[in-house]
Amino acid sequence: ADPGELEWLGLDELLGDHSLILIEWPERGGSELPAPDLIL
């Protein structure tokens, strides 16, 4: 419901070399999400 809810997911810890992140409904994450390489 609010991008602030993503804080507890630890998204920063998921980022890194050899990490693939697929995000459905990214519009709900707002600026809390990492920038995409590809939008579908």
Full PDB file with SEQRES, HELIX, SHEET, SSBOND, CRYST1, ORIGX, SCALE, CONECT and MASTER records, all heavy atoms in Angstrom:
SEQRES   1 A   40  ALA ASP PRO GLY GLU LEU GLU TRP LEU GLY LEU ASP GLU          
SEQRES   2 A   40  LEU LEU GLY ASP HIS SER LEU ILE LEU ILE GLU TRP PRO          
SEQRES   3 A   40  GLU ARG GLY GLY SER GLU LEU PRO ALA PRO ASP LEU ILE          
SEQRES   4 A   40  LEU                                                          
HELIX    1 AA1 PRO A    3  LEU A    9  5                                   7    
HELIX    2 AA2 LEU A   11  LEU A   14  1                                   4    
HELIX    3 AA3 PRO A   26  ARG A   28  5                                   3    
HELIX    4 AA4 GLY A   30  GLU A   32  5                                   3    
CRYST1    1.000    1.000    1.000  90.00  90.00  90.00 P 1           1          
ORIGX1      1.000000  0.000000  0.000000        0.00000                         
ORIGX2      0.000000  1.000000  0.000000        0.00000                         
ORIGX3      0.000000  0.000000  1.000000        0.00000                         
SCALE1      1.000000  0.000000  0.000000        0.00000                         
SCALE2      0.000000  1.000000  0.000000        0.00000                         
SCALE3      0.000000  0.000000  1.000000        0.00000                         
ATOM      1  N   ALA A   1       0.829  -1.208   0.000  1.00  0.00           N  
ATOM      2  CA  ALA A   1       0.000   0.000   0.000  1.00  0.00           C  
ATOM      3  C   ALA A   1       0.862   1.257   0.000  1.00  0.00           C  
ATOM      4  O   ALA A   1       0.443   2.306  -0.483  1.00  0.00           O  
ATOM      5  CB  ALA A   1      -0.929  -0.003   1.213  1.00  0.00           C  
ATOM      6  N   ASP A   2       2.076   1.144   0.534  1.00  0.00           N  
ATOM      7  CA  ASP A   2       2.960   2.304   0.658  1.00  0.00           C  
ATOM      8  C   ASP A   2       4.399   1.850   0.417  1.00  0.00           C  
ATOM      9  O   ASP A   2       4.811   0.817   0.950  1.00  0.00           O  
ATOM     10  CB  ASP A   2       2.825   2.898   2.062  1.00  0.00           C  
ATOM     11  CG  ASP A   2       3.695   4.112   2.245  1.00  0.00           C  
ATOM     12  OD1 ASP A   2       3.228   5.225   1.938  1.00  0.00           O  
ATOM     13  OD2 ASP A   2       4.852   3.950   2.685  1.00  0.00           O  
ATOM     14  N   PRO A   3       5.161   2.602  -0.383  1.00  0.00           N  
ATOM     15  CA  PRO A   3       6.544   2.195  -0.656  1.00  0.00           C  
ATOM     16  C   PRO A   3       7.392   2.002   0.603  1.00  0.00           C  
ATOM     17  O   PRO A   3       8.325   1.200   0.610  1.00  0.00           O  
ATOM     18  CB  PRO A   3       7.096   3.341  -1.508  1.00  0.00           C  
ATOM     19  CG  PRO A   3       5.902   3.938  -2.163  1.00  0.00           C  
ATOM     20  CD  PRO A   3       4.790   3.799  -1.156  1.00  0.00           C  
ATOM     21  N   GLY A   4       7.054   2.682   1.683  1.00  0.00           N  
ATOM     22  CA  GLY A   4       7.797   2.528   2.930  1.00  0.00           C  
ATOM     23  C   GLY A   4       7.752   1.114   3.481  1.00  0.00           C  
ATOM     24  O   GLY A   4       8.621   0.708   4.253  1.00  0.00           O  
ATOM     25  N   GLU A   5       6.735   0.345   3.078  1.00  0.00           N  
ATOM     26  CA  GLU A   5       6.610  -1.037   3.536  1.00  0.00           C  
ATOM     27  C   GLU A   5       7.749  -1.913   3.009  1.00  0.00           C  
ATOM     28  O   GLU A   5       7.984  -3.004   3.527  1.00  0.00           O  
ATOM     29  CB  GLU A   5       5.280  -1.625   3.089  1.00  0.00           C  
ATOM     30  CG  GLU A   5       4.062  -0.967   3.710  1.00  0.00           C  
ATOM     31  CD  GLU A   5       2.769  -1.549   3.178  1.00  0.00           C  
ATOM     32  OE1 GLU A   5       2.688  -2.779   2.983  1.00  0.00           O  
ATOM     33  OE2 GLU A   5       1.834  -0.762   2.957  1.00  0.00           O  
ATOM     34  N   LEU A   6       8.441  -1.449   1.993  1.00  0.00           N  
ATOM     35  CA  LEU A   6       9.518  -2.252   1.406  1.00  0.00           C  
ATOM     36  C   LEU A   6      10.785  -2.261   2.256  1.00  0.00           C  
ATOM     37  O   LEU A   6      11.653  -3.104   2.062  1.00  0.00           O  
ATOM     38  CB  LEU A   6       9.860  -1.726   0.010  1.00  0.00           C  
ATOM     39  CG  LEU A   6       8.753  -1.848  -1.024  1.00  0.00           C  
ATOM     40  CD1 LEU A   6       9.188  -1.229  -2.334  1.00  0.00           C  
ATOM     41  CD2 LEU A   6       8.374  -3.294  -1.224  1.00  0.00           C  
ATOM     42  N   GLU A   7      10.877  -1.351   3.189  1.00  0.00           N  
ATOM     43  CA  GLU A   7      12.095  -1.232   3.987  1.00  0.00           C  
ATOM     44  C   GLU A   7      12.501  -2.552   4.636  1.00  0.00           C  
ATOM     45  O   GLU A   7      13.669  -2.932   4.641  1.00  0.00           O  
ATOM     46  CB  GLU A   7      11.911  -0.157   5.058  1.00  0.00           C  
ATOM     47  CG  GLU A   7      13.170   0.110   5.843  1.00  0.00           C  
ATOM     48  CD  GLU A   7      12.977   1.242   6.826  1.00  0.00           C  
ATOM     49  OE1 GLU A   7      12.220   2.182   6.549  1.00  0.00           O  
ATOM     50  OE2 GLU A   7      13.598   1.164   7.892  1.00  0.00           O  
ATOM     51  N   TRP A   8      11.529  -3.288   5.142  1.00  0.00           N  
ATOM     52  CA  TRP A   8      11.851  -4.525   5.844  1.00  0.00           C  
ATOM     53  C   TRP A   8      12.280  -5.656   4.909  1.00  0.00           C  
ATOM     54  O   TRP A   8      12.791  -6.678   5.345  1.00  0.00           O  
ATOM     55  CB  TRP A   8      10.683  -4.973   6.717  1.00  0.00           C  
ATOM     56  CG  TRP A   8       9.468  -5.392   5.954  1.00  0.00           C  
ATOM     57  CD1 TRP A   8       8.443  -4.605   5.545  1.00  0.00           C  
ATOM     58  CD2 TRP A   8       9.170  -6.704   5.472  1.00  0.00           C  
ATOM     59  NE1 TRP A   8       7.515  -5.335   4.846  1.00  0.00           N  
ATOM     60  CE2 TRP A   8       7.939  -6.638   4.786  1.00  0.00           C  
ATOM     61  CE3 TRP A   8       9.813  -7.933   5.545  1.00  0.00           C  
ATOM     62  CZ2 TRP A   8       7.355  -7.743   4.186  1.00  0.00           C  
ATOM     63  CZ3 TRP A   8       9.219  -9.032   4.945  1.00  0.00           C  
ATOM     64  CH2 TRP A   8       8.006  -8.934   4.280  1.00  0.00           C  
ATOM     65  N   LEU A   9      12.088  -5.501   3.598  1.00  0.00           N  
ATOM     66  CA  LEU A   9      12.500  -6.545   2.655  1.00  0.00           C  
ATOM     67  C   LEU A   9      14.018  -6.627   2.486  1.00  0.00           C  
ATOM     68  O   LEU A   9      14.527  -7.632   2.031  1.00  0.00           O  
ATOM     69  CB  LEU A   9      11.873  -6.315   1.277  1.00  0.00           C  
ATOM     70  CG  LEU A   9      10.448  -6.755   1.068  1.00  0.00           C  
ATOM     71  CD1 LEU A   9      10.008  -6.458  -0.351  1.00  0.00           C  
ATOM     72  CD2 LEU A   9      10.266  -8.226   1.367  1.00  0.00           C  
ATOM     73  N   GLY A  10      14.718  -5.562   2.819  1.00  0.00           N  
ATOM     74  CA  GLY A  10      16.170  -5.561   2.666  1.00  0.00           C  
ATOM     75  C   GLY A  10      16.611  -5.563   1.216  1.00  0.00           C  
ATOM     76  O   GLY A  10      17.525  -6.304   0.835  1.00  0.00           O  
ATOM     77  N   LEU A  11      15.971  -4.736   0.393  1.00  0.00           N  
ATOM     78  CA  LEU A  11      16.298  -4.701  -1.033  1.00  0.00           C  
ATOM     79  C   LEU A  11      17.770  -4.419  -1.299  1.00  0.00           C  
ATOM     80  O   LEU A  11      18.346  -4.976  -2.225  1.00  0.00           O  
ATOM     81  CB  LEU A  11      15.436  -3.665  -1.751  1.00  0.00           C  
ATOM     82  CG  LEU A  11      13.966  -4.012  -1.903  1.00  0.00           C  
ATOM     83  CD1 LEU A  11      13.219  -2.862  -2.545  1.00  0.00           C  
ATOM     84  CD2 LEU A  11      13.792  -5.276  -2.710  1.00  0.00           C  
ATOM     85  N   ASP A  12      18.372  -3.572  -0.482  1.00  0.00           N  
ATOM     86  CA  ASP A  12      19.791  -3.250  -0.690  1.00  0.00           C  
ATOM     87  C   ASP A  12      20.667  -4.494  -0.614  1.00  0.00           C  
ATOM     88  O   ASP A  12      21.669  -4.606  -1.309  1.00  0.00           O  
ATOM     89  CB  ASP A  12      20.275  -2.221   0.334  1.00  0.00           C  
ATOM     90  CG  ASP A  12      19.658  -0.850   0.115  1.00  0.00           C  
ATOM     91  OD1 ASP A  12      19.143  -0.603  -1.000  1.00  0.00           O  
ATOM     92  OD2 ASP A  12      19.678  -0.039   1.047  1.00  0.00           O  
ATOM     93  N   GLU A  13      20.278  -5.428   0.239  1.00  0.00           N  
ATOM     94  CA  GLU A  13      21.048  -6.658   0.400  1.00  0.00           C  
ATOM     95  C   GLU A  13      20.897  -7.599  -0.794  1.00  0.00           C  
ATOM     96  O   GLU A  13      21.725  -8.481  -1.001  1.00  0.00           O  
ATOM     97  CB  GLU A  13      20.625  -7.374   1.681  1.00  0.00           C  
ATOM     98  CG  GLU A  13      20.918  -6.564   2.925  1.00  0.00           C  
ATOM     99  CD  GLU A  13      20.282  -7.164   4.164  1.00  0.00           C  
ATOM    100  OE1 GLU A  13      19.885  -8.348   4.130  1.00  0.00           O  
ATOM    101  OE2 GLU A  13      20.189  -6.444   5.164  1.00  0.00           O  
ATOM    102  N   LEU A  14      19.836  -7.412  -1.584  1.00  0.00           N  
ATOM    103  CA  LEU A  14      19.601  -8.266  -2.745  1.00  0.00           C  
ATOM    104  C   LEU A  14      20.422  -7.829  -3.953  1.00  0.00           C  
ATOM    105  O   LEU A  14      20.652  -8.615  -4.860  1.00  0.00           O  
ATOM    106  CB  LEU A  14      18.113  -8.261  -3.130  1.00  0.00           C  
ATOM    107  CG  LEU A  14      17.122  -8.667  -2.054  1.00  0.00           C  
ATOM    108  CD1 LEU A  14      15.702  -8.583  -2.605  1.00  0.00           C  
ATOM    109  CD2 LEU A  14      17.414 -10.047  -1.524  1.00  0.00           C  
ATOM    110  N   LEU A  15      20.820  -6.564  -3.966  1.00  0.00           N  
ATOM    111  CA  LEU A  15      21.557  -6.026  -5.093  1.00  0.00           C  
ATOM    112  C   LEU A  15      22.997  -6.495  -5.060  1.00  0.00           C  
ATOM    113  O   LEU A  15      23.580  -6.676  -4.006  1.00  0.00           O  
ATOM    114  CB  LEU A  15      21.522  -4.498  -5.063  1.00  0.00           C  
ATOM    115  CG  LEU A  15      20.146  -3.858  -5.120  1.00  0.00           C  
ATOM    116  CD1 LEU A  15      20.250  -2.363  -4.885  1.00  0.00           C  
ATOM    117  CD2 LEU A  15      19.488  -4.145  -6.449  1.00  0.00           C  
ATOM    118  N   GLY A  16      23.571  -6.663  -6.214  1.00  0.00           N  
ATOM    119  CA  GLY A  16      24.972  -7.034  -6.276  1.00  0.00           C  
ATOM    120  C   GLY A  16      25.282  -7.776  -7.556  1.00  0.00           C  
ATOM    121  O   GLY A  16      24.398  -8.067  -8.361  1.00  0.00           O  
ATOM    122  N   ASP A  17      26.553  -8.058  -7.722  1.00  0.00           N  
ATOM    123  CA  ASP A  17      26.967  -8.825  -8.883  1.00  0.00           C  
ATOM    124  C   ASP A  17      26.257 -10.175  -8.872  1.00  0.00           C  
ATOM    125  O   ASP A  17      26.083 -10.789  -7.815  1.00  0.00           O  
ATOM    126  CB  ASP A  17      28.480  -9.050  -8.865  1.00  0.00           C  
ATOM    127  CG  ASP A  17      29.247  -7.751  -9.055  1.00  0.00           C  
ATOM    128  OD1 ASP A  17      28.668  -6.780  -9.564  1.00  0.00           O  
ATOM    129  OD2 ASP A  17      30.439  -7.724  -8.676  1.00  0.00           O  
ATOM    130  N   HIS A  18      25.864 -10.610 -10.028  1.00  0.00           N  
ATOM    131  CA  HIS A  18      25.202 -11.903 -10.201  1.00  0.00           C  
ATOM    132  C   HIS A  18      23.883 -12.000  -9.434  1.00  0.00           C  
ATOM    133  O   HIS A  18      23.536 -13.067  -8.936  1.00  0.00           O  
ATOM    134  CB  HIS A  18      26.143 -13.047  -9.834  1.00  0.00           C  
ATOM    135  CG  HIS A  18      27.387 -13.053 -10.648  1.00  0.00           C  
ATOM    136  ND1 HIS A  18      27.396 -13.369 -11.994  1.00  0.00           N  
ATOM    137  CD2 HIS A  18      28.664 -12.746 -10.335  1.00  0.00           C  
ATOM    138  CE1 HIS A  18      28.620 -13.260 -12.458  1.00  0.00           C  
ATOM    139  NE2 HIS A  18      29.416 -12.888 -11.477  1.00  0.00           N  
ATOM    140  N   SER A  19      23.169 -10.879  -9.330  1.00  0.00           N  
ATOM    141  CA  SER A  19      21.820 -10.867  -8.757  1.00  0.00           C  
ATOM    142  C   SER A  19      20.843 -10.407  -9.826  1.00  0.00           C  
ATOM    143  O   SER A  19      21.027  -9.341 -10.413  1.00  0.00           O  
ATOM    144  CB  SER A  19      21.727  -9.906  -7.565  1.00  0.00           C  
ATOM    145  OG  SER A  19      22.445 -10.399  -6.474  1.00  0.00           O  
ATOM    146  N   LEU A  20      19.839 -11.204 -10.060  1.00  0.00           N  
ATOM    147  CA  LEU A  20      18.781 -10.852 -10.993  1.00  0.00           C  
ATOM    148  C   LEU A  20      17.527 -10.582 -10.176  1.00  0.00           C  
ATOM    149  O   LEU A  20      17.117 -11.420  -9.375  1.00  0.00           O  
ATOM    150  CB  LEU A  20      18.517 -11.989 -11.983  1.00  0.00           C  
ATOM    151  CG  LEU A  20      17.353 -11.780 -12.952  1.00  0.00           C  
ATOM    152  CD1 LEU A  20      17.614 -10.580 -13.861  1.00  0.00           C  
ATOM    153  CD2 LEU A  20      17.108 -13.029 -13.769  1.00  0.00           C  
ATOM    154  N   ILE A  21      16.940  -9.410 -10.376  1.00  0.00           N  
ATOM    155  CA  ILE A  21      15.756  -9.025  -9.626  1.00  0.00           C  
ATOM    156  C   ILE A  21      14.626  -8.749 -10.608  1.00  0.00           C  
ATOM    157  O   ILE A  21      14.749  -7.889 -11.484  1.00  0.00           O  
ATOM    158  CB  ILE A  21      16.035  -7.797  -8.734  1.00  0.00           C  
ATOM    159  CG1 ILE A  21      17.185  -8.118  -7.775  1.00  0.00           C  
ATOM    160  CG2 ILE A  21      14.776  -7.384  -7.981  1.00  0.00           C  
ATOM    161  CD1 ILE A  21      17.646  -6.961  -6.936  1.00  0.00           C  
ATOM    162  N   LEU A  22      13.530  -9.507 -10.457  1.00  0.00           N  
ATOM    163  CA  LEU A  22      12.325  -9.325 -11.265  1.00  0.00           C  
ATOM    164  C   LEU A  22      11.275  -8.713 -10.353  1.00  0.00           C  
ATOM    165  O   LEU A  22      10.973  -9.273  -9.293  1.00  0.00           O  
ATOM    166  CB  LEU A  22      11.804 -10.668 -11.766  1.00  0.00           C  
ATOM    167  CG  LEU A  22      12.775 -11.578 -12.498  1.00  0.00           C  
ATOM    168  CD1 LEU A  22      12.142 -12.929 -12.755  1.00  0.00           C  
ATOM    169  CD2 LEU A  22      13.200 -10.931 -13.787  1.00  0.00           C  
ATOM    170  N   ILE A  23      10.697  -7.580 -10.762  1.00  0.00           N  
ATOM    171  CA  ILE A  23       9.740  -6.888  -9.901  1.00  0.00           C  
ATOM    172  C   ILE A  23       8.424  -6.681 -10.643  1.00  0.00           C  
ATOM    173  O   ILE A  23       8.366  -5.934 -11.621  1.00  0.00           O  
ATOM    174  CB  ILE A  23      10.285  -5.538  -9.413  1.00  0.00           C  
ATOM    175  CG1 ILE A  23      11.634  -5.731  -8.714  1.00  0.00           C  
ATOM    176  CG2 ILE A  23       9.269  -4.864  -8.477  1.00  0.00           C  
ATOM    177  CD1 ILE A  23      12.341  -4.441  -8.337  1.00  0.00           C  
ATOM    178  N   GLU A  24       7.381  -7.367 -10.164  1.00  0.00           N  
ATOM    179  CA  GLU A  24       6.031  -7.143 -10.672  1.00  0.00           C  
ATOM    180  C   GLU A  24       5.405  -6.012  -9.866  1.00  0.00           C  
ATOM    181  O   GLU A  24       5.628  -5.894  -8.670  1.00  0.00           O  
ATOM    182  CB  GLU A  24       5.184  -8.405 -10.513  1.00  0.00           C  
ATOM    183  CG  GLU A  24       5.673  -9.576 -11.345  1.00  0.00           C  
ATOM    184  CD  GLU A  24       4.738 -10.767 -11.260  1.00  0.00           C  
ATOM    185  OE1 GLU A  24       3.505 -10.563 -11.322  1.00  0.00           O  
ATOM    186  OE2 GLU A  24       5.240 -11.889 -11.118  1.00  0.00           O  
ATOM    187  N   TRP A  25       4.608  -5.177 -10.519  1.00  0.00           N  
ATOM    188  CA  TRP A  25       3.953  -4.020  -9.911  1.00  0.00           C  
ATOM    189  C   TRP A  25       4.968  -3.034  -9.324  1.00  0.00           C  
ATOM    190  O   TRP A  25       4.818  -2.562  -8.200  1.00  0.00           O  
ATOM    191  CB  TRP A  25       2.944  -4.452  -8.839  1.00  0.00           C  
ATOM    192  CG  TRP A  25       1.857  -5.327  -9.346  1.00  0.00           C  
ATOM    193  CD1 TRP A  25       1.820  -6.687  -9.309  1.00  0.00           C  
ATOM    194  CD2 TRP A  25       0.660  -4.920 -10.019  1.00  0.00           C  
ATOM    195  NE1 TRP A  25       0.665  -7.149  -9.903  1.00  0.00           N  
ATOM    196  CE2 TRP A  25      -0.066  -6.078 -10.346  1.00  0.00           C  
ATOM    197  CE3 TRP A  25       0.134  -3.671 -10.367  1.00  0.00           C  
ATOM    198  CZ2 TRP A  25      -1.280  -6.042 -10.997  1.00  0.00           C  
ATOM    199  CZ3 TRP A  25      -1.085  -3.641 -11.022  1.00  0.00           C  
ATOM    200  CH2 TRP A  25      -1.776  -4.816 -11.331  1.00  0.00           C  
ATOM    201  N   PRO A  26       6.027  -2.675 -10.061  1.00  0.00           N  
ATOM    202  CA  PRO A  26       7.039  -1.767  -9.518  1.00  0.00           C  
ATOM    203  C   PRO A  26       6.501  -0.374  -9.200  1.00  0.00           C  
ATOM    204  O   PRO A  26       7.070   0.331  -8.357  1.00  0.00           O  
ATOM    205  CB  PRO A  26       8.097  -1.718 -10.617  1.00  0.00           C  
ATOM    206  CG  PRO A  26       7.353  -2.061 -11.864  1.00  0.00           C  
ATOM    207  CD  PRO A  26       6.307  -3.044 -11.440  1.00  0.00           C  
ATOM    208  N   GLU A  27       5.397   0.019  -9.837  1.00  0.00           N  
ATOM    209  CA  GLU A  27       4.841   1.337  -9.564  1.00  0.00           C  
ATOM    210  C   GLU A  27       4.429   1.485  -8.099  1.00  0.00           C  
ATOM    211  O   GLU A  27       4.373   2.593  -7.566  1.00  0.00           O  
ATOM    212  CB  GLU A  27       3.665   1.641 -10.499  1.00  0.00           C  
ATOM    213  CG  GLU A  27       2.480   0.714 -10.371  1.00  0.00           C  
ATOM    214  CD  GLU A  27       2.555  -0.528 -11.245  1.00  0.00           C  
ATOM    215  OE1 GLU A  27       3.667  -0.985 -11.608  1.00  0.00           O  
ATOM    216  OE2 GLU A  27       1.481  -1.077 -11.557  1.00  0.00           O  
ATOM    217  N   ARG A  28       4.200   0.383  -7.415  1.00  0.00           N  
ATOM    218  CA  ARG A  28       3.813   0.427  -6.005  1.00  0.00           C  
ATOM    219  C   ARG A  28       5.020   0.613  -5.089  1.00  0.00           C  
ATOM    220  O   ARG A  28       4.857   0.914  -3.911  1.00  0.00           O  
ATOM    221  CB  ARG A  28       3.030  -0.815  -5.630  1.00  0.00           C  
ATOM    222  CG  ARG A  28       1.723  -0.868  -6.414  1.00  0.00           C  
ATOM    223  CD  ARG A  28       0.877  -2.028  -6.021  1.00  0.00           C  
ATOM    224  NE  ARG A  28      -0.321  -2.029  -6.850  1.00  0.00           N  
ATOM    225  CZ  ARG A  28      -1.534  -2.107  -6.372  1.00  0.00           C  
ATOM    226  NH1 ARG A  28      -1.728  -2.196  -5.082  1.00  0.00           N  
ATOM    227  NH2 ARG A  28      -2.565  -2.110  -7.192  1.00  0.00           N  
ATOM    228  N   GLY A  29       6.215   0.412  -5.623  1.00  0.00           N  
ATOM    229  CA  GLY A  29       7.424   0.571  -4.825  1.00  0.00           C  
ATOM    230  C   GLY A  29       8.031   1.956  -4.906  1.00  0.00           C  
ATOM    231  O   GLY A  29       8.890   2.312  -4.102  1.00  0.00           O  
ATOM    232  N   GLY A  30       7.596   2.740  -5.874  1.00  0.00           N  
ATOM    233  CA  GLY A  30       8.079   4.112  -6.012  1.00  0.00           C  
ATOM    234  C   GLY A  30       9.587   4.218  -6.038  1.00  0.00           C  
ATOM    235  O   GLY A  30      10.289   3.375  -6.599  1.00  0.00           O  
ATOM    236  N   SER A  31      10.097   5.237  -5.385  1.00  0.00           N  
ATOM    237  CA  SER A  31      11.534   5.522  -5.398  1.00  0.00           C  
ATOM    238  C   SER A  31      12.324   4.593  -4.484  1.00  0.00           C  
ATOM    239  O   SER A  31      13.551   4.673  -4.428  1.00  0.00           O  
ATOM    240  CB  SER A  31      11.790   6.974  -5.009  1.00  0.00           C  
ATOM    241  OG  SER A  31      11.347   7.190  -3.679  1.00  0.00           O  
ATOM    242  N   GLU A  32      11.636   3.690  -3.786  1.00  0.00           N  
ATOM    243  CA  GLU A  32      12.328   2.741  -2.912  1.00  0.00           C  
ATOM    244  C   GLU A  32      12.994   1.617  -3.708  1.00  0.00           C  
ATOM    245  O   GLU A  32      13.801   0.873  -3.164  1.00  0.00           O  
ATOM    246  CB  GLU A  32      11.339   2.128  -1.907  1.00  0.00           C  
ATOM    247  CG  GLU A  32      10.692   3.130  -0.974  1.00  0.00           C  
ATOM    248  CD  GLU A  32      11.685   3.803  -0.059  1.00  0.00           C  
ATOM    249  OE1 GLU A  32      12.581   3.114   0.473  1.00  0.00           O  
ATOM    250  OE2 GLU A  32      11.571   5.029   0.111  1.00  0.00           O  
ATOM    251  N   LEU A  33      12.637   1.495  -4.981  1.00  0.00           N  
ATOM    252  CA  LEU A  33      13.157   0.406  -5.802  1.00  0.00           C  
ATOM    253  C   LEU A  33      14.414   0.819  -6.558  1.00  0.00           C  
ATOM    254  O   LEU A  33      14.573   1.982  -6.938  1.00  0.00           O  
ATOM    255  CB  LEU A  33      12.101  -0.036  -6.819  1.00  0.00           C  
ATOM    256  CG  LEU A  33      10.852  -0.666  -6.247  1.00  0.00           C  
ATOM    257  CD1 LEU A  33       9.867  -0.994  -7.365  1.00  0.00           C  
ATOM    258  CD2 LEU A  33      11.187  -1.918  -5.462  1.00  0.00           C  
ATOM    259  N   PRO A  34      15.278  -0.151  -6.828  1.00  0.00           N  
ATOM    260  CA  PRO A  34      16.438   0.137  -7.677  1.00  0.00           C  
ATOM    261  C   PRO A  34      15.987   0.385  -9.114  1.00  0.00           C  
ATOM    262  O   PRO A  34      14.965  -0.140  -9.561  1.00  0.00           O  
ATOM    263  CB  PRO A  34      17.278  -1.141  -7.570  1.00  0.00           C  
ATOM    264  CG  PRO A  34      16.308  -2.209  -7.178  1.00  0.00           C  
ATOM    265  CD  PRO A  34      15.239  -1.537  -6.369  1.00  0.00           C  
ATOM    266  N   ALA A  35      16.736   1.202  -9.812  1.00  0.00           N  
ATOM    267  CA  ALA A  35      16.418   1.511 -11.214  1.00  0.00           C  
ATOM    268  C   ALA A  35      16.539   0.247 -12.057  1.00  0.00           C  
ATOM    269  O   ALA A  35      17.458  -0.557 -11.861  1.00  0.00           O  
ATOM    270  CB  ALA A  35      17.356   2.582 -11.738  1.00  0.00           C  
ATOM    271  N   PRO A  36      15.622   0.074 -12.994  1.00  0.00           N  
ATOM    272  CA  PRO A  36      15.670  -1.134 -13.833  1.00  0.00           C  
ATOM    273  C   PRO A  36      16.655  -1.007 -14.988  1.00  0.00           C  
ATOM    274  O   PRO A  36      16.957   0.090 -15.453  1.00  0.00           O  
ATOM    275  CB  PRO A  36      14.248  -1.229 -14.365  1.00  0.00           C  
ATOM    276  CG  PRO A  36      13.809   0.195 -14.470  1.00  0.00           C  
ATOM    277  CD  PRO A  36      14.439   0.887 -13.286  1.00  0.00           C  
ATOM    278  N   ASP A  37      17.127  -2.155 -15.439  1.00  0.00           N  
ATOM    279  CA  ASP A  37      17.877  -2.229 -16.690  1.00  0.00           C  
ATOM    280  C   ASP A  37      16.903  -2.361 -17.852  1.00  0.00           C  
ATOM    281  O   ASP A  37      17.183  -1.918 -18.958  1.00  0.00           O  
ATOM    282  CB  ASP A  37      18.815  -3.446 -16.680  1.00  0.00           C  
ATOM    283  CG  ASP A  37      19.890  -3.312 -15.624  1.00  0.00           C  
ATOM    284  OD1 ASP A  37      20.714  -2.397 -15.742  1.00  0.00           O  
ATOM    285  OD2 ASP A  37      19.882  -4.114 -14.668  1.00  0.00           O  
ATOM    286  N   LEU A  38      15.759  -2.987 -17.571  1.00  0.00           N  
ATOM    287  CA  LEU A  38      14.773  -3.256 -18.614  1.00  0.00           C  
ATOM    288  C   LEU A  38      13.374  -3.134 -18.019  1.00  0.00           C  
ATOM    289  O   LEU A  38      13.128  -3.604 -16.913  1.00  0.00           O  
ATOM    290  CB  LEU A  38      14.978  -4.683 -19.149  1.00  0.00           C  
ATOM    291  CG  LEU A  38      14.331  -5.063 -20.466  1.00  0.00           C  
ATOM    292  CD1 LEU A  38      14.935  -4.274 -21.618  1.00  0.00           C  
ATOM    293  CD2 LEU A  38      14.499  -6.551 -20.721  1.00  0.00           C  
ATOM    294  N   ILE A  39      12.493  -2.477 -18.764  1.00  0.00           N  
ATOM    295  CA  ILE A  39      11.082  -2.394 -18.396  1.00  0.00           C  
ATOM    296  C   ILE A  39      10.295  -3.187 -19.426  1.00  0.00           C  
ATOM    297  O   ILE A  39      10.481  -3.008 -20.629  1.00  0.00           O  
ATOM    298  CB  ILE A  39      10.584  -0.935 -18.377  1.00  0.00           C  
ATOM    299  CG1 ILE A  39      11.206  -0.177 -17.205  1.00  0.00           C  
ATOM    300  CG2 ILE A  39       9.056  -0.883 -18.293  1.00  0.00           C  
ATOM    301  CD1 ILE A  39      10.837   1.286 -17.151  1.00  0.00           C  
ATOM    302  N   LEU A  40       9.414  -4.047 -18.932  1.00  0.00           N  
ATOM    303  CA  LEU A  40       8.496  -4.789 -19.787  1.00  0.00           C  
ATOM    304  C   LEU A  40       7.080  -4.367 -19.429  1.00  0.00           C  
ATOM    305  O   LEU A  40       6.688  -4.454 -18.264  1.00  0.00           O  
ATOM    306  CB  LEU A  40       8.639  -6.297 -19.584  1.00  0.00           C  
ATOM    307  CG  LEU A  40      10.014  -6.893 -19.841  1.00  0.00           C  
ATOM    308  CD1 LEU A  40      10.004  -8.384 -19.568  1.00  0.00           C  
ATOM    309  CD2 LEU A  40      10.465  -6.625 -21.250  1.00  0.00           C  
TER     310      LEU A  40                                                      
MASTER        0    0    0    4    0    0    0    6  309    1    0    4          
END                                                                             
